[in-house]
Amino acid sequence: MRSFEAEQWFPLKQQELFAFLSEAANLEAITPGFLNFQIVTPLPIVMAEGTLIDYKLRVRGIPVRWRSKITAWQPPTCFVDEQVRSPYRLWVHEHILEPRDGGTVMRDRVRYALWLDFLTARVVGRDIEAIFKYRRDVLRARLHGR
């Protein structure tokens, strides 16, 4: 199993940041274009524990269908999405929000496992870093001016 962690501070109240991050429609805006990411589940999506969300995307040009399930839902402190169907053996993404320094820190923790780990780990790790860097930059641009 592999992991990735990122942390970012926002000048927003915990409830405001949670509301933005838990709005499924915002996911397309914070995902890099090279993934051709589209939410298939009709919007708006009512988020709660047990919610299923279907996506289409391209991973290195290969069309992929992905289904996530919200397995933890604790507004405004955290939520967890886990893959039900994806190109990974395992994908668990924790979104954790904590008040800090007059704003809110968002921590992303991703645990993942690959089918052909020995062949793909380096490439996939770089892709995940690029996706979260893009996300960090877009979120900074969109939310720091609020």
Protein backbone atom coordinates (compact mmCIF):
# COMPACT_ATOMS: atom_id res chain seq x y z
CA MET A 1 0.00 0.00 0.00
CA ARG A 2 1.17 3.53 -0.78
CA SER A 3 0.17 6.89 0.60
CA PHE A 4 0.13 10.56 -0.27
CA GLU A 5 -0.47 13.50 2.08
CA ALA A 6 -0.94 17.21 1.47
CA GLU A 7 -1.85 20.14 3.68
CA GLN A 8 -3.13 23.61 2.79
CA TRP A 9 -4.35 26.58 4.84
CA PHE A 10 -7.33 28.73 3.82
CA PRO A 11 -8.61 32.03 5.23
CA LEU A 12 -12.09 30.51 5.57
CA LYS A 13 -14.18 29.16 8.39
CA GLN A 14 -14.25 25.39 8.62
CA GLN A 15 -17.94 25.28 7.61
CA GLU A 16 -17.31 27.39 4.48
CA LEU A 17 -14.41 25.25 3.30
CA PHE A 18 -16.30 22.03 4.04
CA ALA A 19 -19.30 23.29 2.03
CA PHE A 20 -17.09 24.04 -0.98
CA LEU A 21 -15.17 20.75 -0.87
CA SER A 22 -18.24 18.61 -0.33
CA GLU A 23 -20.09 20.09 -3.31
CA ALA A 24 -19.54 17.42 -5.97
CA ALA A 25 -19.95 19.94 -8.80
CA ASN A 26 -16.74 21.69 -7.65
CA LEU A 27 -14.69 18.54 -8.22
CA GLU A 28 -14.49 19.06 -11.98
CA ALA A 29 -13.12 22.59 -11.49
CA ILE A 30 -10.29 21.42 -9.21
CA THR A 31 -9.24 18.44 -11.35
CA PRO A 32 -6.60 18.97 -14.06
CA GLY A 33 -7.76 18.99 -17.67
CA PHE A 34 -5.41 16.18 -18.69
CA LEU A 35 -7.73 13.77 -16.85
CA ASN A 36 -10.81 14.78 -18.92
CA PHE A 37 -12.76 14.33 -15.68
CA GLN A 38 -16.56 14.28 -15.82
CA ILE A 39 -19.12 13.50 -13.16
CA VAL A 40 -21.65 11.04 -14.59
CA THR A 41 -24.03 10.99 -11.62
CA PRO A 42 -26.73 13.62 -12.15
CA LEU A 43 -26.22 16.84 -10.19
CA PRO A 44 -26.94 18.00 -7.59
CA ILE A 45 -25.63 15.11 -5.53
CA VAL A 46 -26.79 14.92 -1.93
CA MET A 47 -23.67 14.07 0.01
CA ALA A 48 -23.95 11.73 2.98
CA GLU A 49 -22.43 8.50 4.20
CA GLY A 50 -23.23 5.88 1.57
CA THR A 51 -23.52 8.30 -1.38
CA LEU A 52 -22.22 6.80 -4.64
CA ILE A 53 -20.69 9.03 -7.31
CA ASP A 54 -19.78 7.90 -10.84
CA TYR A 55 -17.12 9.59 -12.97
CA LYS A 56 -15.50 9.23 -16.36
CA LEU A 57 -11.89 10.22 -16.87
CA ARG A 58 -8.78 9.39 -18.81
CA VAL A 59 -5.67 8.03 -17.14
CA ARG A 60 -2.72 8.50 -19.45
CA GLY A 61 -5.19 8.62 -22.33
CA ILE A 62 -7.03 5.44 -21.36
CA PRO A 63 -10.78 5.90 -20.71
CA VAL A 64 -11.70 4.87 -17.18
CA ARG A 65 -14.93 4.65 -15.23
CA TRP A 66 -14.63 5.36 -11.52
CA ARG A 67 -17.18 4.98 -8.75
CA SER A 68 -16.63 6.44 -5.30
CA LYS A 69 -18.57 5.85 -2.12
CA ILE A 70 -18.67 8.30 0.75
CA THR A 71 -17.74 6.07 3.69
CA ALA A 72 -17.48 8.77 6.37
CA TRP A 73 -19.39 12.03 6.58
CA GLN A 74 -18.74 14.26 9.59
CA PRO A 75 -19.45 17.92 8.71
CA PRO A 76 -17.58 20.19 9.09
CA THR A 77 -14.49 18.18 10.11
CA CYS A 78 -14.04 15.38 7.59
CA PHE A 79 -15.33 13.11 4.90
CA VAL A 80 -13.87 10.06 3.22
CA ASP A 81 -14.37 8.78 -0.29
CA GLU A 82 -13.36 5.26 -1.24
CA GLN A 83 -13.27 3.70 -4.65
CA VAL A 84 -15.83 1.08 -5.46
CA ARG A 85 -14.56 0.81 -9.03
CA SER A 86 -11.35 2.36 -10.40
CA PRO A 87 -8.03 1.37 -11.93
CA TYR A 88 -6.59 1.00 -8.42
CA ARG A 89 -6.80 -2.02 -6.14
CA LEU A 90 -7.46 0.44 -3.31
CA TRP A 91 -8.13 4.19 -3.12
CA VAL A 92 -9.17 5.86 0.14
CA HIS A 93 -9.14 9.66 0.28
CA GLU A 94 -9.61 11.38 3.64
CA HIS A 95 -10.46 15.10 3.65
CA ILE A 96 -9.75 16.51 7.13
CA LEU A 97 -10.45 20.12 8.11
CA GLU A 98 -9.19 21.78 11.29
CA PRO A 99 -9.43 25.38 12.48
CA ARG A 100 -6.01 27.04 12.63
CA ASP A 101 -4.65 30.60 12.76
CA GLY A 102 -7.99 32.26 12.06
CA GLY A 103 -8.74 30.00 9.10
CA THR A 104 -8.88 26.31 8.28
CA VAL A 105 -6.25 23.73 7.40
CA MET A 106 -7.27 21.05 4.93
CA ARG A 107 -5.33 17.81 5.04
CA ASP A 108 -5.66 15.24 2.30
CA ARG A 109 -4.61 11.69 3.10
CA VAL A 110 -4.72 9.19 0.28
CA ARG A 111 -3.98 5.50 0.72
CA TYR A 112 -3.79 3.55 -2.50
CA ALA A 113 -2.65 0.26 -3.91
CA LEU A 114 -1.91 -0.59 -7.51
CA TRP A 115 -2.47 -3.78 -9.46
CA LEU A 116 1.03 -3.81 -10.97
CA ASP A 117 2.78 -1.88 -8.24
CA PHE A 118 6.32 -2.81 -9.22
CA LEU A 119 5.73 -1.46 -12.76
CA THR A 120 3.53 1.55 -12.12
CA ALA A 121 4.30 3.01 -8.69
CA ARG A 122 6.74 5.72 -9.81
CA VAL A 123 4.54 6.92 -12.67
CA VAL A 124 1.33 6.85 -10.63
CA GLY A 125 3.03 8.62 -7.72
CA ARG A 126 4.11 11.45 -10.04
CA ASP A 127 0.59 11.66 -11.49
CA ILE A 128 -0.96 11.91 -8.02
CA GLU A 129 1.50 14.65 -7.05
CA ALA A 130 0.65 16.58 -10.24
CA ILE A 131 -3.09 16.24 -9.63
CA PHE A 132 -2.82 17.52 -6.07
CA LYS A 133 -0.46 20.36 -7.08
CA TYR A 134 -3.02 21.49 -9.65
CA ARG A 135 -5.75 21.21 -7.05
CA ARG A 136 -3.71 23.22 -4.51
CA ASP A 137 -3.08 25.99 -7.06
CA VAL A 138 -6.73 26.19 -8.17
CA LEU A 139 -8.02 26.17 -4.60
CA ARG A 140 -5.55 28.92 -3.63
CA ALA A 141 -6.70 31.07 -6.55
CA ARG A 142 -10.42 30.45 -5.94
CA LEU A 143 -10.63 30.49 -2.16
CA HIS A 144 -7.96 32.82 -0.84
CA GLY A 145 -9.77 35.85 -2.25
CA ARG A 146 -13.13 35.07 -0.67
